[in-house]
């Protein structure tokens, strides 16, 4: 988890981006928290994970995730893949038809909502 999070307030990156911006760090931390209940881990990781969540939710810095009038989220600006399924036919169609400005994958908003609940 530490390899993909950044210190709170990092002006260059809200998280370490590698592939689809899926909040696996937040899901992993939830499991770690349930097992350890470590206040030290919570104090260390919560600000980092919150920063990632805020970026994913389009509420931090230069994030472009929240540009739809509907407030549904999309991360096409950061990666062509919304959730790890590069060859999923609807996603391929969105990319080849250049619909990224008008289409949002529901999974991005679902991940942001789930992340908010976890945090």
C-alpha atoms as a PDB file:
ATOM      1  CA  UNK A   1       0.000   0.000   0.000  1.00  0.00           C
ATOM      2  CA  UNK A   2       2.801   2.353   0.826  1.00  0.00           C
ATOM      3  CA  UNK A   3       4.253   2.015  -2.684  1.00  0.00           C
ATOM      4  CA  UNK A   4       1.059   3.457  -4.207  1.00  0.00           C
ATOM      5  CA  UNK A   5       0.246   6.231  -1.753  1.00  0.00           C
ATOM      6  CA  UNK A   6       1.917   9.604  -1.324  1.00  0.00           C
ATOM      7  CA  UNK A   7       2.404  11.869   1.680  1.00  0.00           C
ATOM      8  CA  UNK A   8      -0.552  14.151   2.428  1.00  0.00           C
ATOM      9  CA  UNK A   9      -0.284  17.431   0.564  1.00  0.00           C
ATOM     10  CA  UNK A  10       2.100  16.097  -2.103  1.00  0.00           C
ATOM     11  CA  UNK A  11       1.899  18.792  -4.764  1.00  0.00           C
ATOM     12  CA  UNK A  12       2.968  16.447  -7.567  1.00  0.00           C
ATOM     13  CA  UNK A  13       0.723  13.414  -7.061  1.00  0.00           C
ATOM     14  CA  UNK A  14      -2.304  12.448  -4.978  1.00  0.00           C
ATOM     15  CA  UNK A  15      -1.284   8.789  -5.384  1.00  0.00           C
ATOM     16  CA  UNK A  16       1.132   6.709  -7.432  1.00  0.00           C
ATOM     17  CA  UNK A  17      -0.659   6.004 -10.682  1.00  0.00           C
ATOM     18  CA  UNK A  18      -0.043   2.682 -12.343  1.00  0.00           C
ATOM     19  CA  UNK A  19      -2.772   1.455 -14.645  1.00  0.00           C
ATOM     20  CA  UNK A  20      -6.461   1.741 -13.869  1.00  0.00           C
ATOM     21  CA  UNK A  21      -7.201   4.150 -11.009  1.00  0.00           C
ATOM     22  CA  UNK A  22      -8.996   1.547  -8.903  1.00  0.00           C
ATOM     23  CA  UNK A  23      -8.731   2.177  -5.145  1.00  0.00           C
ATOM     24  CA  UNK A  24      -7.248  -1.196  -4.259  1.00  0.00           C
ATOM     25  CA  UNK A  25      -5.125   0.541  -1.623  1.00  0.00           C
ATOM     26  CA  UNK A  26      -8.288   1.532   0.238  1.00  0.00           C
ATOM     27  CA  UNK A  27      -9.716  -1.973  -0.022  1.00  0.00           C
ATOM     28  CA  UNK A  28      -6.431  -3.467   1.184  1.00  0.00           C
ATOM     29  CA  UNK A  29      -6.286  -1.060   4.098  1.00  0.00           C
ATOM     30  CA  UNK A  30      -9.814  -1.977   5.147  1.00  0.00           C
ATOM     31  CA  UNK A  31      -8.700  -5.610   5.421  1.00  0.00           C
ATOM     32  CA  UNK A  32      -5.565  -4.629   7.318  1.00  0.00           C
ATOM     33  CA  UNK A  33      -7.591  -2.456   9.693  1.00  0.00           C
ATOM     34  CA  UNK A  34     -10.070  -5.251  10.387  1.00  0.00           C
ATOM     35  CA  UNK A  35      -7.190  -7.576  11.260  1.00  0.00           C
ATOM     36  CA  UNK A  36      -5.012  -5.239  13.321  1.00  0.00           C
ATOM     37  CA  UNK A  37      -7.064  -2.256  14.574  1.00  0.00           C
ATOM     38  CA  UNK A  38      -3.685  -0.521  14.672  1.00  0.00           C
ATOM     39  CA  UNK A  39      -4.030   3.164  15.478  1.00  0.00           C
ATOM     40  CA  UNK A  40      -0.478   3.732  14.189  1.00  0.00           C
ATOM     41  CA  UNK A  41      -1.352   2.296  10.769  1.00  0.00           C
ATOM     42  CA  UNK A  42      -4.575   4.284  10.743  1.00  0.00           C
ATOM     43  CA  UNK A  43      -2.764   7.537  11.582  1.00  0.00           C
ATOM     44  CA  UNK A  44      -0.215   6.887   8.866  1.00  0.00           C
ATOM     45  CA  UNK A  45      -2.429   5.649   6.030  1.00  0.00           C
ATOM     46  CA  UNK A  46      -5.727   7.493   6.495  1.00  0.00           C
ATOM     47  CA  UNK A  47      -4.441  10.898   5.246  1.00  0.00           C
ATOM     48  CA  UNK A  48      -2.776   9.220   2.254  1.00  0.00           C
ATOM     49  CA  UNK A  49      -5.834   7.176   1.361  1.00  0.00           C
ATOM     50  CA  UNK A  50      -8.153  10.147   1.863  1.00  0.00           C
ATOM     51  CA  UNK A  51      -6.010  12.140  -0.566  1.00  0.00           C
ATOM     52  CA  UNK A  52      -6.351   9.378  -3.170  1.00  0.00           C
ATOM     53  CA  UNK A  53     -10.107   9.195  -2.588  1.00  0.00           C
ATOM     54  CA  UNK A  54     -10.531  12.972  -2.970  1.00  0.00           C
ATOM     55  CA  UNK A  55      -8.652  12.872  -6.258  1.00  0.00           C
ATOM     56  CA  UNK A  56     -10.709   9.919  -7.522  1.00  0.00           C
ATOM     57  CA  UNK A  57     -13.882  11.757  -6.509  1.00  0.00           C
ATOM     58  CA  UNK A  58     -12.793  14.850  -8.450  1.00  0.00           C
ATOM     59  CA  UNK A  59     -12.420  16.954  -5.318  1.00  0.00           C
ATOM     60  CA  UNK A  60      -8.671  17.475  -5.104  1.00  0.00           C
ATOM     61  CA  UNK A  61      -6.252  19.580  -7.085  1.00  0.00           C
ATOM     62  CA  UNK A  62      -6.331  19.177 -10.816  1.00  0.00           C
ATOM     63  CA  UNK A  63      -8.497  16.057 -10.882  1.00  0.00           C
ATOM     64  CA  UNK A  64     -10.752  15.906 -13.926  1.00  0.00           C
ATOM     65  CA  UNK A  65     -12.805  12.967 -12.666  1.00  0.00           C
ATOM     66  CA  UNK A  66     -15.898  15.065 -11.863  1.00  0.00           C
ATOM     67  CA  UNK A  67     -16.595  16.932 -15.103  1.00  0.00           C
ATOM     68  CA  UNK A  68     -20.007  15.532 -15.973  1.00  0.00           C
ATOM     69  CA  UNK A  69     -23.101  17.611 -15.211  1.00  0.00           C
ATOM     70  CA  UNK A  70     -24.524  14.483 -13.594  1.00  0.00           C
ATOM     71  CA  UNK A  71     -21.544  14.365 -11.173  1.00  0.00           C
ATOM     72  CA  UNK A  72     -20.884  10.785 -12.247  1.00  0.00           C
ATOM     73  CA  UNK A  73     -17.162  10.138 -12.268  1.00  0.00           C
ATOM     74  CA  UNK A  74     -14.830   9.156 -15.088  1.00  0.00           C
ATOM     75  CA  UNK A  75     -11.092   8.719 -15.227  1.00  0.00           C
ATOM     76  CA  UNK A  76     -10.544   8.407 -18.974  1.00  0.00           C
ATOM     77  CA  UNK A  77      -8.151  11.382 -18.808  1.00  0.00           C
ATOM     78  CA  UNK A  78      -5.728   9.276 -16.785  1.00  0.00           C
ATOM     79  CA  UNK A  79      -6.044   5.849 -18.344  1.00  0.00           C
ATOM     80  CA  UNK A  80      -7.981   4.303 -21.207  1.00  0.00           C
ATOM     81  CA  UNK A  81      -9.188   1.545 -18.918  1.00  0.00           C
ATOM     82  CA  UNK A  82     -11.779   2.175 -16.220  1.00  0.00           C
ATOM     83  CA  UNK A  83     -11.372  -0.927 -14.155  1.00  0.00           C
ATOM     84  CA  UNK A  84      -8.932  -3.507 -15.447  1.00  0.00           C
ATOM     85  CA  UNK A  85     -10.872  -4.946 -18.380  1.00  0.00           C
ATOM     86  CA  UNK A  86      -9.110  -3.496 -21.415  1.00  0.00           C
ATOM     87  CA  UNK A  87     -10.897  -5.732 -23.885  1.00  0.00           C
ATOM     88  CA  UNK A  88     -14.418  -5.392 -22.497  1.00  0.00           C
ATOM     89  CA  UNK A  89     -16.433  -4.575 -25.672  1.00  0.00           C
ATOM     90  CA  UNK A  90     -18.330  -1.508 -24.374  1.00  0.00           C
ATOM     91  CA  UNK A  91     -15.119   0.020 -23.085  1.00  0.00           C
ATOM     92  CA  UNK A  92     -13.316  -0.652 -26.378  1.00  0.00           C
ATOM     93  CA  UNK A  93     -16.212   0.997 -28.189  1.00  0.00           C
ATOM     94  CA  UNK A  94     -16.056   4.097 -25.988  1.00  0.00           C
ATOM     95  CA  UNK A  95     -12.364   4.423 -26.804  1.00  0.00           C
ATOM     96  CA  UNK A  96     -12.593   3.726 -30.546  1.00  0.00           C
ATOM     97  CA  UNK A  97     -15.653   5.950 -30.989  1.00  0.00           C
ATOM     98  CA  UNK A  98     -13.982   8.698 -28.914  1.00  0.00           C
ATOM     99  CA  UNK A  99     -16.916   8.999 -26.516  1.00  0.00           C
ATOM    100  CA  UNK A 100     -14.855   9.594 -23.384  1.00  0.00           C
ATOM    101  CA  UNK A 101     -16.115  13.161 -22.954  1.00  0.00           C
ATOM    102  CA  UNK A 102     -19.740  11.986 -22.828  1.00  0.00           C
ATOM    103  CA  UNK A 103     -19.613   8.517 -21.283  1.00  0.00           C
ATOM    104  CA  UNK A 104     -18.812   7.487 -17.745  1.00  0.00           C
ATOM    105  CA  UNK A 105     -18.234   3.948 -16.514  1.00  0.00           C
ATOM    106  CA  UNK A 106     -20.449   3.329 -13.504  1.00  0.00           C
ATOM    107  CA  UNK A 107     -17.635   1.414 -11.819  1.00  0.00           C
ATOM    108  CA  UNK A 108     -15.648   4.624 -11.177  1.00  0.00           C
ATOM    109  CA  UNK A 109     -18.476   6.249  -9.241  1.00  0.00           C
ATOM    110  CA  UNK A 110     -19.177   2.966  -7.445  1.00  0.00           C
ATOM    111  CA  UNK A 111     -15.532   2.715  -6.340  1.00  0.00           C
ATOM    112  CA  UNK A 112     -15.586   6.308  -5.097  1.00  0.00           C
ATOM    113  CA  UNK A 113     -18.774   5.707  -3.104  1.00  0.00           C
ATOM    114  CA  UNK A 114     -17.427   2.500  -1.605  1.00  0.00           C
ATOM    115  CA  UNK A 115     -14.138   4.228  -0.757  1.00  0.00           C
ATOM    116  CA  UNK A 116     -15.973   7.034   1.001  1.00  0.00           C
ATOM    117  CA  UNK A 117     -17.902   4.533   3.097  1.00  0.00           C
ATOM    118  CA  UNK A 118     -14.711   2.682   4.032  1.00  0.00           C
ATOM    119  CA  UNK A 119     -12.876   5.845   5.003  1.00  0.00           C
END
